Protein backbone atom coordinates (compact mmCIF):
# COMPACT_ATOMS: atom_id res chain seq x y z
CA MET A 1 77.77 93.89 85.65
CA LYS A 2 77.30 97.39 87.06
CA PRO A 3 80.28 99.59 86.09
CA ALA A 4 80.91 100.62 89.70
CA ALA A 5 81.38 96.97 90.64
CA LEU A 6 84.14 96.26 88.11
CA THR A 7 87.27 97.22 90.06
CA TRP A 8 85.83 95.57 93.17
CA ALA A 9 85.31 92.38 91.14
CA ILE A 10 88.92 92.50 89.93
CA SER A 11 90.34 93.01 93.42
CA SER A 12 88.16 90.40 95.09
CA SER A 13 88.90 87.80 92.38
CA LEU A 14 92.69 88.04 92.72
CA PRO A 15 93.09 84.98 95.01
CA SER A 16 91.12 82.73 92.64
CA LEU A 17 92.74 83.80 89.37
CA ARG A 18 95.41 81.81 87.58
CA LYS A 19 98.92 83.22 87.87
CA SER A 20 98.87 84.63 84.33
CA GLU A 21 95.41 86.15 84.79
CA ARG A 22 96.54 87.70 88.09
CA LYS A 23 99.31 89.48 86.18
CA VAL A 24 96.64 91.07 83.97
CA ALA A 25 94.57 92.08 87.01
CA GLU A 26 97.51 93.64 88.84
CA PHE A 27 98.59 95.60 85.76
CA ILE A 28 95.05 96.92 85.24
CA LEU A 29 94.60 97.98 88.88
CA ALA A 30 97.85 99.93 88.70
CA ASN A 31 97.06 101.51 85.29
CA LEU A 32 93.28 102.01 85.16
CA THR A 33 93.19 105.15 83.02
CA ASP A 34 95.80 103.81 80.58
CA VAL A 35 94.02 100.49 79.97
CA ILE A 36 90.90 102.04 78.44
CA ARG A 37 93.09 103.37 75.59
CA MET A 38 94.87 100.07 74.94
CA ARG A 39 94.24 97.38 72.37
CA ILE A 40 94.16 93.80 73.56
CA VAL A 41 97.57 93.20 72.04
CA ASP A 42 98.96 96.19 73.99
CA LEU A 43 97.59 94.96 77.31
CA ALA A 44 98.87 91.44 76.67
CA GLU A 45 102.34 92.79 75.94
CA LYS A 46 102.41 95.08 79.00
CA ALA A 47 101.19 92.31 81.32
CA GLU A 48 103.52 89.81 79.68
CA VAL A 49 100.76 87.31 78.88
CA SER A 50 98.98 86.01 75.78
CA GLU A 51 95.89 87.59 74.24
CA PRO A 52 93.69 84.56 75.14
CA THR A 53 94.76 85.06 78.77
CA VAL A 54 93.42 88.64 78.63
CA VAL A 55 90.11 87.35 77.28
CA ARG A 56 89.90 84.69 80.01
CA PHE A 57 90.58 87.35 82.63
CA CYS A 58 87.80 89.58 81.26
CA ARG A 59 85.33 86.71 81.46
CA ALA A 60 86.52 85.81 84.97
CA VAL A 61 85.44 89.24 86.22
CA GLY A 62 82.01 89.10 84.56
CA CYS A 63 82.59 90.70 81.15
CA ASP A 64 81.85 89.19 77.74
CA GLY A 65 85.26 90.07 76.35
CA PHE A 66 87.94 92.76 76.19
CA GLN A 67 85.79 95.42 74.52
CA ASP A 68 82.99 94.86 77.04
CA PHE A 69 85.58 95.11 79.83
CA LYS A 70 86.97 98.41 78.52
CA LEU A 71 83.45 99.86 78.23
CA ALA A 72 82.63 98.93 81.84
CA LEU A 73 85.94 100.37 83.05
CA ALA A 74 85.41 103.61 81.11
CA GLN A 75 81.92 103.96 82.59
CA GLN A 76 83.28 103.51 86.10
CA LEU A 77 86.04 106.07 85.61
CA ALA A 78 83.53 108.52 84.12
CA SER A 79 81.20 108.17 87.12
CA SER A 80 84.11 108.46 89.57
CA PRO A 81 86.80 110.69 88.00
CA SER A 82 89.10 110.46 91.00
CA TYR A 83 89.10 106.64 91.11
CA GLY A 84 91.96 106.19 88.69
CA GLN A 85 94.08 108.48 90.85
CA ILE A 86 93.48 106.57 94.09
CA ALA A 87 95.29 103.22 93.92
CA VAL A 88 98.36 103.52 96.15
CA THR A 89 101.65 102.09 94.92
CA ASP A 90 105.02 101.41 96.51
CA GLN A 91 106.50 104.28 94.49
CA ASP A 92 104.11 106.95 95.80
CA SER A 93 105.56 109.88 97.70
CA VAL A 94 104.10 111.02 101.03
CA ALA A 95 102.17 113.74 99.22
CA GLU A 96 100.83 111.32 96.59
CA TYR A 97 99.48 108.65 98.93
CA THR A 98 98.13 111.30 101.32
CA PHE A 99 96.12 112.94 98.55
CA LYS A 100 94.95 109.56 97.23
CA VAL A 101 93.59 108.48 100.63
CA PHE A 102 91.77 111.78 101.14
CA ASP A 103 90.43 111.82 97.57
CA SER A 104 89.15 108.26 97.95
CA THR A 105 87.32 109.07 101.18
CA VAL A 106 85.77 112.29 99.86
CA ASP A 107 84.65 110.48 96.71
CA THR A 108 83.05 107.74 98.78
CA LEU A 109 81.24 110.15 101.10
CA LEU A 110 79.70 112.07 98.21
CA LYS A 111 78.45 108.86 96.60
CA VAL A 112 76.98 107.61 99.88
CA ARG A 113 75.29 110.96 100.54
CA ASP A 114 73.63 110.95 97.12
CA SER A 115 72.43 107.34 97.44
CA LEU A 116 70.91 107.46 100.94
CA ASP A 117 67.22 106.62 101.26
CA LEU A 118 66.00 109.74 103.08
CA ASN A 119 62.67 108.11 103.94
CA MET A 120 64.44 105.28 105.76
CA LEU A 121 66.75 107.80 107.41
CA ASP A 122 63.75 109.74 108.72
CA GLN A 123 62.18 106.52 110.05
CA ALA A 124 65.44 105.73 111.86
CA VAL A 125 65.60 109.17 113.49
CA GLN A 126 61.96 108.94 114.60
CA ALA A 127 62.54 105.52 116.15
CA LEU A 128 65.64 106.76 117.98
CA CYS A 129 63.86 109.84 119.31
CA VAL A 130 61.26 107.74 121.16
CA ALA A 131 63.52 104.83 122.13
CA ASN A 132 63.76 103.80 125.78
CA ARG A 133 67.29 102.55 125.16
CA VAL A 134 69.59 102.40 122.16
CA GLU A 135 72.31 99.78 121.74
CA PHE A 136 74.92 99.36 119.02
CA TYR A 137 76.25 96.03 117.75
CA GLY A 138 79.35 95.63 115.58
CA PHE A 139 82.38 93.40 115.09
CA GLY A 140 85.93 94.22 113.97
CA ALA A 141 86.20 97.66 112.38
CA SER A 142 82.46 98.10 112.92
CA ALA A 143 83.02 97.74 116.66
CA ALA A 144 84.95 101.01 116.62
CA VAL A 145 81.98 102.67 114.88
CA ALA A 146 79.61 101.23 117.50
CA THR A 147 81.75 102.60 120.34
CA ASP A 148 81.87 106.03 118.72
CA ALA A 149 78.09 105.93 118.27
CA GLN A 150 77.56 105.04 121.94
CA HIS A 151 79.66 108.06 122.93
CA LYS A 152 77.67 110.41 120.70
CA PHE A 153 74.25 109.21 121.86
CA PHE A 154 75.29 109.14 125.51
CA ARG A 155 75.97 112.87 125.21
CA LEU A 156 72.42 113.32 123.87
CA GLN A 157 70.94 111.97 127.14
CA VAL A 158 70.07 108.67 125.49
CA SER A 159 70.52 105.44 127.39
CA ALA A 160 73.10 103.87 125.07
CA ALA A 161 75.54 100.97 125.05
CA ALA A 162 77.87 99.32 122.50
CA TYR A 163 78.71 95.61 122.30
CA ALA A 164 81.37 93.90 120.18
CA ASP A 165 81.25 90.55 121.98
CA PRO A 166 78.76 87.97 120.59
CA HIS A 167 77.81 86.75 124.08
CA LEU A 168 77.06 90.27 125.29
CA GLN A 169 75.13 91.01 122.10
CA ASN A 170 72.90 88.00 122.69
CA MET A 171 72.41 88.88 126.34
CA SER A 172 71.50 92.41 125.28
CA ALA A 173 69.13 91.11 122.61
CA ALA A 174 67.38 88.84 125.14
CA SER A 175 66.71 91.85 127.39
CA MET A 176 65.21 94.07 124.70
CA ALA A 177 61.59 95.22 124.83
CA PRO A 178 59.16 97.16 122.63
CA GLY A 179 60.35 100.75 122.46
CA ASP A 180 64.03 99.78 122.44
CA VAL A 181 66.27 100.15 119.37
CA VAL A 182 69.38 98.29 118.23
CA ILE A 183 71.64 99.66 115.49
CA ALA A 184 73.51 96.79 113.83
CA ILE A 185 76.62 97.92 111.94
CA SER A 186 78.35 95.75 109.34
CA GLN A 187 80.74 96.50 106.48
CA SER A 188 80.25 93.09 104.86
CA GLY A 189 76.57 92.67 105.70
CA ARG A 190 77.09 88.90 106.06
CA THR A 191 78.10 88.31 109.70
CA THR A 192 76.00 85.36 110.86
CA THR A 193 76.40 86.05 114.58
CA LEU A 194 75.17 89.60 114.11
CA ILE A 195 72.15 88.44 112.09
CA ASN A 196 71.22 85.95 114.82
CA ALA A 197 71.33 88.70 117.46
CA MET A 198 69.19 90.95 115.24
CA GLU A 199 66.53 88.25 114.88
CA ARG A 200 66.44 87.83 118.64
CA VAL A 201 66.00 91.59 119.10
CA LYS A 202 63.06 91.59 116.69
CA SER A 203 61.49 88.61 118.45
CA ARG A 204 61.41 90.76 121.60
CA GLY A 205 59.42 93.46 119.81
CA ALA A 206 62.29 95.95 119.57
CA ILE A 207 63.35 97.76 116.39
CA VAL A 208 66.53 96.95 114.48
CA ILE A 209 68.21 99.59 112.35
CA ALA A 210 70.97 98.25 110.09
CA ILE A 211 73.90 100.12 108.59
CA ALA A 212 75.09 97.69 105.94
CA PRO A 213 75.38 97.10 102.18
CA SER A 214 72.13 96.96 100.21
CA ASP A 215 70.57 93.53 99.58
CA SER A 216 72.89 92.01 102.19
CA PRO A 217 71.59 89.56 104.84
CA VAL A 218 72.13 92.17 107.58
CA ALA A 219 70.21 94.86 105.68
CA ASN A 220 67.42 92.42 104.82
CA ALA A 221 67.07 91.32 108.46
CA ALA A 222 66.50 94.89 109.71
CA ASN A 223 63.24 96.74 110.31
CA ILE A 224 64.89 99.90 109.02
CA PRO A 225 67.84 99.33 106.64
CA LEU A 226 70.22 102.25 106.05
CA THR A 227 72.24 100.93 103.15
CA ILE A 228 75.78 102.00 102.31
CA ASP A 229 77.47 100.48 99.27
CA VAL A 230 81.21 101.01 99.22
CA LYS A 231 83.43 98.83 97.06
CA GLU A 232 86.76 98.64 98.84
CA ASP A 233 90.03 98.06 97.00
CA PHE A 234 91.18 94.81 98.63
CA GLN A 235 94.88 95.30 98.02
CA ILE A 236 97.60 95.65 100.63
CA TYR A 237 96.93 99.39 100.97
CA THR A 238 93.26 99.71 101.84
CA PRO A 239 91.78 102.91 103.29
CA LEU A 240 88.52 101.70 104.80
CA SER A 241 86.26 104.34 103.32
CA SER A 242 83.19 102.36 104.36
CA ARG A 243 84.14 102.81 108.03
CA ILE A 244 84.35 106.59 107.53
CA ALA A 245 80.97 106.55 105.77
CA HIS A 246 79.45 104.62 108.68
CA LEU A 247 80.84 107.15 111.18
CA VAL A 248 79.37 110.04 109.19
CA LEU A 249 75.98 108.33 109.01
CA ILE A 250 76.05 107.94 112.80
CA ASP A 251 76.70 111.71 112.98
CA VAL A 252 73.65 112.30 110.77
CA LEU A 253 71.46 110.19 113.07
CA ALA A 254 72.82 111.99 116.14
CA ILE A 255 72.12 115.39 114.58
CA GLY A 256 68.57 114.27 113.81
CA VAL A 257 67.98 113.26 117.44
CA ALA A 258 69.62 116.44 118.74
CA GLN A 259 67.41 118.56 116.49
CA HIS A 260 64.34 116.79 117.86
CA LYS A 261 65.38 117.40 121.48
CA GLY A 262 65.98 121.08 120.78
CA GLY A 263 66.75 123.64 123.51
CA ARG A 264 66.59 121.18 126.41
CA LEU A 265 69.63 119.42 125.06
CA GLN A 266 71.69 122.57 124.55
CA GLU A 267 71.74 123.33 128.26
CA HIS A 268 72.79 119.76 129.07
CA LEU A 269 75.63 119.84 126.50
CA LEU A 270 76.87 123.14 127.89
CA GLU A 271 76.97 121.73 131.42
CA MET A 272 78.83 118.66 130.14
CA GLN A 273 81.36 120.85 128.35
CA LEU A 274 81.99 122.88 131.49
CA GLY A 275 82.42 119.66 133.48
CA LEU A 276 85.17 118.53 131.10
CA GLU A 277 87.18 121.71 131.51
CA VAL A 278 88.62 120.48 134.82
CA LEU A 279 90.34 117.67 132.89
CA ARG A 280 92.11 120.02 130.49
CA GLU A 281 95.06 122.35 130.67
CA PRO A 282 93.92 125.99 130.79
CA LEU A 283 94.34 128.02 127.64
CA GLU A 284 97.26 130.42 127.79
CA ASN A 285 96.55 134.10 127.34
CA HIS A 286 98.36 135.53 124.34
């Protein structure tokens, strides 16, 4: 198991664990930095379970045993020093949970930035710069990202639309042509309806750019995959850092297109800004 996947494996396995094993998981998620200094007997006592239960839990999340589990956890905390400070609890003050949410998001953005495939990113920008039309597909939280993306590209004088309805996505896909681009956005990377629409877009000769986890069905179905791997903490308090990362990647693509358009776009954006002033209260002179 990759160290970065350990806490995700613990969180995602909670529903399938036995009651006693779940007690171990919940204690660990709330005390990540303390656990790496514990003996198995200490963890068993703190979680109020037996030592064999701790071993079974470790194996349930993909580790060979308790020592292997502690090593993987220590590696994750070393690669992400802020992680152990992020899990929100019922006892957190306003200041504590505020800092945890911000720290989690910043940590995620830095990791995504450093892992981006810049060659794929350049291919995506080049495809968008020559596209006749650009459309964004997304469901759920990804629908909000698609709508934001449509707004950004509309301002860049790009014919853009966003669809969160499967019927509209399929109608859009059926009308695509060579030279058109669809950006498919997915946090899970496994949405079957989205994959079907992507295949239809490709069958029409258009290009599909995916923003999705690596090695996911959505990423694999794209002509140009832009992969973002964010392991969310699937507890009751869940800041969706992946959604923020997707929004920032859309900003990167928009900047790339704006840079390509150059001076022509600046005049258009200035005119648009002036046109919006009539909708705003005038600034007071101080």
